[in-house]
Amino acid sequence: MVNRNLMQQMQNRLAKIQEELANETVEATAGGGVVKAVATGQQKLVSIEIDPSAVDPDDVEMLQDLVVVAVNDALAKAQELAGRRLSAVTGGMKIPGLF
């Protein structure tokens, strides 16, 4: 009975953290800030901002690379944020499917 109660409390805390992560955002930039990517704590990309100065029709590859760098960095930060929040509940245990 005690274990079941404990598991239910843990599930409730995990659900609350997942909900909070959906509302928290992290951002990352590339190219000195000309490209900015924003993602939620659930690793969903929500926006990309590109400074017009980064748009060079003769060098599209550079802009593409900057977008990839910014997005990957934002997603890594989101994963780190989720890991920190969830480890408080899981005690550092890696539970498949959580993050």
N, C-alpha and C. Protein backbone atom coordinates (compact mmCIF):
# COMPACT_ATOMS: atom_id res chain seq x y z
N MET A 1 0.81 -1.19 0.00
CA MET A 1 0.00 0.00 0.00
C MET A 1 0.86 1.26 0.00
N VAL A 2 1.90 1.26 0.82
CA VAL A 2 2.77 2.43 0.90
C VAL A 2 3.47 2.65 -0.44
N ASN A 3 3.95 1.58 -1.05
CA ASN A 3 4.64 1.70 -2.34
C ASN A 3 3.71 2.24 -3.41
N ARG A 4 2.46 1.81 -3.38
CA ARG A 4 1.48 2.28 -4.37
C ARG A 4 1.23 3.77 -4.20
N ASN A 5 1.10 4.22 -2.96
CA ASN A 5 0.93 5.64 -2.67
C ASN A 5 2.13 6.45 -3.14
N LEU A 6 3.30 5.91 -2.86
CA LEU A 6 4.53 6.58 -3.26
C LEU A 6 4.63 6.68 -4.77
N MET A 7 4.27 5.61 -5.46
CA MET A 7 4.31 5.61 -6.92
C MET A 7 3.31 6.62 -7.49
N GLN A 8 2.14 6.70 -6.89
CA GLN A 8 1.12 7.65 -7.35
C GLN A 8 1.61 9.08 -7.16
N GLN A 9 2.24 9.36 -6.03
CA GLN A 9 2.79 10.69 -5.78
C GLN A 9 3.86 11.03 -6.81
N MET A 10 4.71 10.05 -7.09
CA MET A 10 5.77 10.27 -8.07
C MET A 10 5.18 10.54 -9.45
N GLN A 11 4.17 9.78 -9.83
CA GLN A 11 3.52 9.99 -11.12
C GLN A 11 2.89 11.38 -11.20
N ASN A 12 2.27 11.80 -10.13
CA ASN A 12 1.66 13.13 -10.10
C ASN A 12 2.71 14.22 -10.23
N ARG A 13 3.83 14.06 -9.54
CA ARG A 13 4.91 15.04 -9.62
C ARG A 13 5.52 15.08 -11.02
N LEU A 14 5.69 13.90 -11.62
CA LEU A 14 6.23 13.83 -12.98
C LEU A 14 5.29 14.51 -13.97
N ALA A 15 4.00 14.28 -13.82
CA ALA A 15 3.02 14.90 -14.72
C ALA A 15 3.06 16.42 -14.58
N LYS A 16 3.18 16.90 -13.35
CA LYS A 16 3.25 18.34 -13.11
C LYS A 16 4.51 18.94 -13.74
N ILE A 17 5.63 18.25 -13.59
CA ILE A 17 6.89 18.73 -14.17
C ILE A 17 6.79 18.75 -15.69
N GLN A 18 6.20 17.71 -16.28
CA GLN A 18 6.04 17.67 -17.73
C GLN A 18 5.20 18.86 -18.21
N GLU A 19 4.15 19.17 -17.46
CA GLU A 19 3.30 20.31 -17.80
C GLU A 19 4.09 21.62 -17.70
N GLU A 20 4.88 21.75 -16.65
CA GLU A 20 5.70 22.95 -16.49
C GLU A 20 6.72 23.08 -17.61
N LEU A 21 7.31 21.95 -18.01
CA LEU A 21 8.31 21.98 -19.08
C LEU A 21 7.70 22.42 -20.40
N ALA A 22 6.44 22.13 -20.60
CA ALA A 22 5.76 22.55 -21.84
C ALA A 22 5.65 24.07 -21.90
N ASN A 23 5.65 24.71 -20.73
CA ASN A 23 5.50 26.16 -20.67
C ASN A 23 6.82 26.91 -20.50
N GLU A 24 7.89 26.19 -20.23
CA GLU A 24 9.20 26.83 -20.09
C GLU A 24 9.92 26.80 -21.43
N THR A 25 10.69 27.85 -21.67
CA THR A 25 11.45 27.89 -22.93
C THR A 25 12.92 28.14 -22.66
N VAL A 26 13.72 27.70 -23.60
CA VAL A 26 15.15 27.98 -23.63
C VAL A 26 15.45 28.56 -25.00
N GLU A 27 16.51 29.33 -25.08
CA GLU A 27 16.88 29.87 -26.39
C GLU A 27 18.37 29.72 -26.62
N ALA A 28 18.71 29.66 -27.88
CA ALA A 28 20.10 29.55 -28.29
C ALA A 28 20.29 30.40 -29.53
N THR A 29 21.50 30.91 -29.67
CA THR A 29 21.80 31.74 -30.84
C THR A 29 23.01 31.19 -31.57
N ALA A 30 23.16 31.64 -32.79
CA ALA A 30 24.33 31.28 -33.60
C ALA A 30 24.71 32.51 -34.43
N GLY A 31 25.95 32.53 -34.84
CA GLY A 31 26.43 33.62 -35.69
C GLY A 31 26.42 34.96 -34.98
N GLY A 32 26.76 34.94 -33.70
CA GLY A 32 26.78 36.19 -32.95
C GLY A 32 25.40 36.75 -32.69
N GLY A 33 24.39 35.89 -32.73
CA GLY A 33 23.03 36.32 -32.43
C GLY A 33 22.16 36.59 -33.63
N VAL A 34 22.67 36.37 -34.84
CA VAL A 34 21.85 36.65 -36.03
C VAL A 34 20.76 35.60 -36.25
N VAL A 35 20.95 34.42 -35.65
CA VAL A 35 19.93 33.38 -35.70
C VAL A 35 19.63 32.97 -34.27
N LYS A 36 18.34 32.98 -33.92
CA LYS A 36 17.92 32.59 -32.57
C LYS A 36 16.84 31.53 -32.68
N ALA A 37 17.00 30.45 -31.91
CA ALA A 37 16.02 29.38 -31.86
C ALA A 37 15.48 29.28 -30.44
N VAL A 38 14.18 29.08 -30.32
CA VAL A 38 13.53 28.94 -29.01
C VAL A 38 12.81 27.60 -28.99
N ALA A 39 13.01 26.85 -27.90
CA ALA A 39 12.36 25.54 -27.75
C ALA A 39 11.75 25.45 -26.35
N THR A 40 10.74 24.59 -26.22
CA THR A 40 10.16 24.35 -24.90
C THR A 40 11.01 23.33 -24.15
N GLY A 41 10.72 23.19 -22.87
CA GLY A 41 11.40 22.19 -22.06
C GLY A 41 11.06 20.78 -22.48
N GLN A 42 10.07 20.64 -23.35
CA GLN A 42 9.72 19.33 -23.90
C GLN A 42 10.36 19.11 -25.27
N GLN A 43 11.36 19.92 -25.57
CA GLN A 43 12.15 19.79 -26.79
C GLN A 43 11.33 19.98 -28.06
N LYS A 44 10.42 20.92 -28.02
CA LYS A 44 9.66 21.29 -29.21
C LYS A 44 10.11 22.68 -29.64
N LEU A 45 10.52 22.79 -30.88
CA LEU A 45 10.94 24.08 -31.42
C LEU A 45 9.72 24.97 -31.58
N VAL A 46 9.77 26.18 -31.01
CA VAL A 46 8.60 27.06 -31.09
C VAL A 46 8.85 28.28 -31.98
N SER A 47 10.11 28.68 -32.15
CA SER A 47 10.35 29.80 -33.06
C SER A 47 11.81 29.86 -33.48
N ILE A 48 11.99 30.49 -34.64
CA ILE A 48 13.32 30.80 -35.16
C ILE A 48 13.26 32.25 -35.63
N GLU A 49 14.22 33.03 -35.18
CA GLU A 49 14.33 34.41 -35.64
C GLU A 49 15.64 34.55 -36.41
N ILE A 50 15.55 35.21 -37.57
CA ILE A 50 16.72 35.41 -38.40
C ILE A 50 16.85 36.90 -38.68
N ASP A 51 17.96 37.45 -38.27
CA ASP A 51 18.24 38.86 -38.53
C ASP A 51 18.41 39.02 -40.05
N PRO A 52 17.78 40.03 -40.63
CA PRO A 52 17.90 40.23 -42.08
C PRO A 52 19.36 40.32 -42.58
N SER A 53 20.26 40.76 -41.72
CA SER A 53 21.66 40.86 -42.13
C SER A 53 22.28 39.48 -42.41
N ALA A 54 21.65 38.42 -41.90
CA ALA A 54 22.17 37.07 -42.12
C ALA A 54 21.72 36.48 -43.44
N VAL A 55 20.81 37.17 -44.13
CA VAL A 55 20.26 36.65 -45.37
C VAL A 55 21.10 37.15 -46.55
N ASP A 56 21.91 36.25 -47.07
CA ASP A 56 22.75 36.56 -48.22
C ASP A 56 22.42 35.54 -49.30
N PRO A 57 21.74 35.97 -50.35
CA PRO A 57 21.33 35.03 -51.40
C PRO A 57 22.51 34.28 -52.03
N ASP A 58 23.71 34.84 -51.91
CA ASP A 58 24.88 34.18 -52.48
C ASP A 58 25.52 33.19 -51.51
N ASP A 59 25.03 33.13 -50.28
CA ASP A 59 25.60 32.22 -49.28
C ASP A 59 24.50 31.61 -48.41
N VAL A 60 23.57 30.93 -49.05
CA VAL A 60 22.46 30.30 -48.33
C VAL A 60 22.96 29.20 -47.39
N GLU A 61 24.03 28.53 -47.78
CA GLU A 61 24.58 27.45 -46.95
C GLU A 61 24.97 27.96 -45.57
N MET A 62 25.54 29.15 -45.49
CA MET A 62 25.94 29.71 -44.20
C MET A 62 24.72 29.90 -43.31
N LEU A 63 23.65 30.43 -43.85
CA LEU A 63 22.43 30.64 -43.08
C LEU A 63 21.85 29.30 -42.63
N GLN A 64 21.85 28.32 -43.50
CA GLN A 64 21.35 27.00 -43.15
C GLN A 64 22.16 26.40 -42.00
N ASP A 65 23.48 26.56 -42.07
CA ASP A 65 24.34 26.06 -41.00
C ASP A 65 24.06 26.75 -39.68
N LEU A 66 23.84 28.06 -39.72
CA LEU A 66 23.54 28.81 -38.50
C LEU A 66 22.22 28.36 -37.89
N VAL A 67 21.23 28.09 -38.73
CA VAL A 67 19.94 27.63 -38.23
C VAL A 67 20.11 26.26 -37.55
N VAL A 68 20.84 25.38 -38.18
CA VAL A 68 21.05 24.04 -37.61
C VAL A 68 21.76 24.15 -36.26
N VAL A 69 22.78 24.98 -36.18
CA VAL A 69 23.53 25.15 -34.92
C VAL A 69 22.61 25.69 -33.83
N ALA A 70 21.85 26.72 -34.13
CA ALA A 70 20.97 27.32 -33.13
C ALA A 70 19.89 26.33 -32.67
N VAL A 71 19.29 25.62 -33.60
CA VAL A 71 18.24 24.66 -33.25
C VAL A 71 18.81 23.52 -32.40
N ASN A 72 19.93 22.96 -32.82
CA ASN A 72 20.53 21.87 -32.05
C ASN A 72 20.91 22.32 -30.64
N ASP A 73 21.43 23.53 -30.51
CA ASP A 73 21.81 24.05 -29.20
C ASP A 73 20.57 24.27 -28.34
N ALA A 74 19.51 24.80 -28.91
CA ALA A 74 18.27 25.01 -28.15
C ALA A 74 17.69 23.67 -27.68
N LEU A 75 17.70 22.67 -28.54
CA LEU A 75 17.17 21.36 -28.16
C LEU A 75 18.04 20.70 -27.08
N ALA A 76 19.35 20.88 -27.16
CA ALA A 76 20.24 20.35 -26.13
C ALA A 76 19.97 21.04 -24.79
N LYS A 77 19.75 22.35 -24.83
CA LYS A 77 19.43 23.08 -23.59
C LYS A 77 18.08 22.63 -23.03
N ALA A 78 17.13 22.35 -23.90
CA ALA A 78 15.81 21.88 -23.45
C ALA A 78 15.94 20.51 -22.80
N GLN A 79 16.76 19.66 -23.38
CA GLN A 79 16.96 18.33 -22.81
C GLN A 79 17.65 18.43 -21.45
N GLU A 80 18.61 19.32 -21.34
CA GLU A 80 19.30 19.53 -20.07
C GLU A 80 18.33 20.05 -19.00
N LEU A 81 17.48 21.00 -19.38
CA LEU A 81 16.48 21.54 -18.46
C LEU A 81 15.54 20.43 -17.98
N ALA A 82 15.05 19.63 -18.91
CA ALA A 82 14.14 18.53 -18.55
C ALA A 82 14.85 17.53 -17.64
N GLY A 83 16.08 17.23 -17.95
CA GLY A 83 16.85 16.29 -17.13
C GLY A 83 17.00 16.78 -15.70
N ARG A 84 17.30 18.07 -15.54
CA ARG A 84 17.44 18.64 -14.19
C ARG A 84 16.13 18.57 -13.44
N ARG A 85 15.04 18.96 -14.10
CA ARG A 85 13.74 18.98 -13.43
C ARG A 85 13.28 17.57 -13.04
N LEU A 86 13.44 16.65 -13.97
CA LEU A 86 12.96 15.29 -13.73
C LEU A 86 13.84 14.51 -12.76
N SER A 87 15.13 14.81 -12.72
CA SER A 87 16.01 14.08 -11.81
C SER A 87 15.68 14.39 -10.36
N ALA A 88 15.06 15.53 -10.10
CA ALA A 88 14.64 15.86 -8.73
C ALA A 88 13.58 14.87 -8.25
N VAL A 89 12.79 14.34 -9.18
CA VAL A 89 11.74 13.39 -8.82
C VAL A 89 12.26 11.96 -8.88
N THR A 90 13.06 11.66 -9.90
CA THR A 90 13.50 10.29 -10.12
C THR A 90 14.75 9.93 -9.34
N GLY A 91 15.34 10.90 -8.67
CA GLY A 91 16.55 10.63 -7.91
C GLY A 91 17.72 10.29 -8.81
N GLY A 92 17.69 10.78 -10.04
CA GLY A 92 18.78 10.54 -10.97
C GLY A 92 18.62 9.28 -11.79
N MET A 93 17.59 8.47 -11.48
CA MET A 93 17.37 7.25 -12.28
C MET A 93 16.94 7.63 -13.68
N LYS A 94 17.46 6.97 -14.66
CA LYS A 94 17.08 7.17 -16.05
C LYS A 94 15.86 6.30 -16.34
N ILE A 95 14.69 6.92 -16.48
CA ILE A 95 13.48 6.17 -16.75
C ILE A 95 13.16 6.33 -18.23
N PRO A 96 13.15 5.23 -18.99
CA PRO A 96 12.90 5.33 -20.44
C PRO A 96 11.60 6.06 -20.75
N GLY A 97 11.68 6.92 -21.76
CA GLY A 97 10.50 7.64 -22.20
C GLY A 97 10.28 8.97 -21.52
N LEU A 98 11.03 9.27 -20.45
CA LEU A 98 10.84 10.56 -19.78
C LEU A 98 11.66 11.65 -20.43
N PHE A 99 12.91 11.36 -20.76
CA PHE A 99 13.77 12.34 -21.42
C PHE A 99 14.94 11.66 -22.03
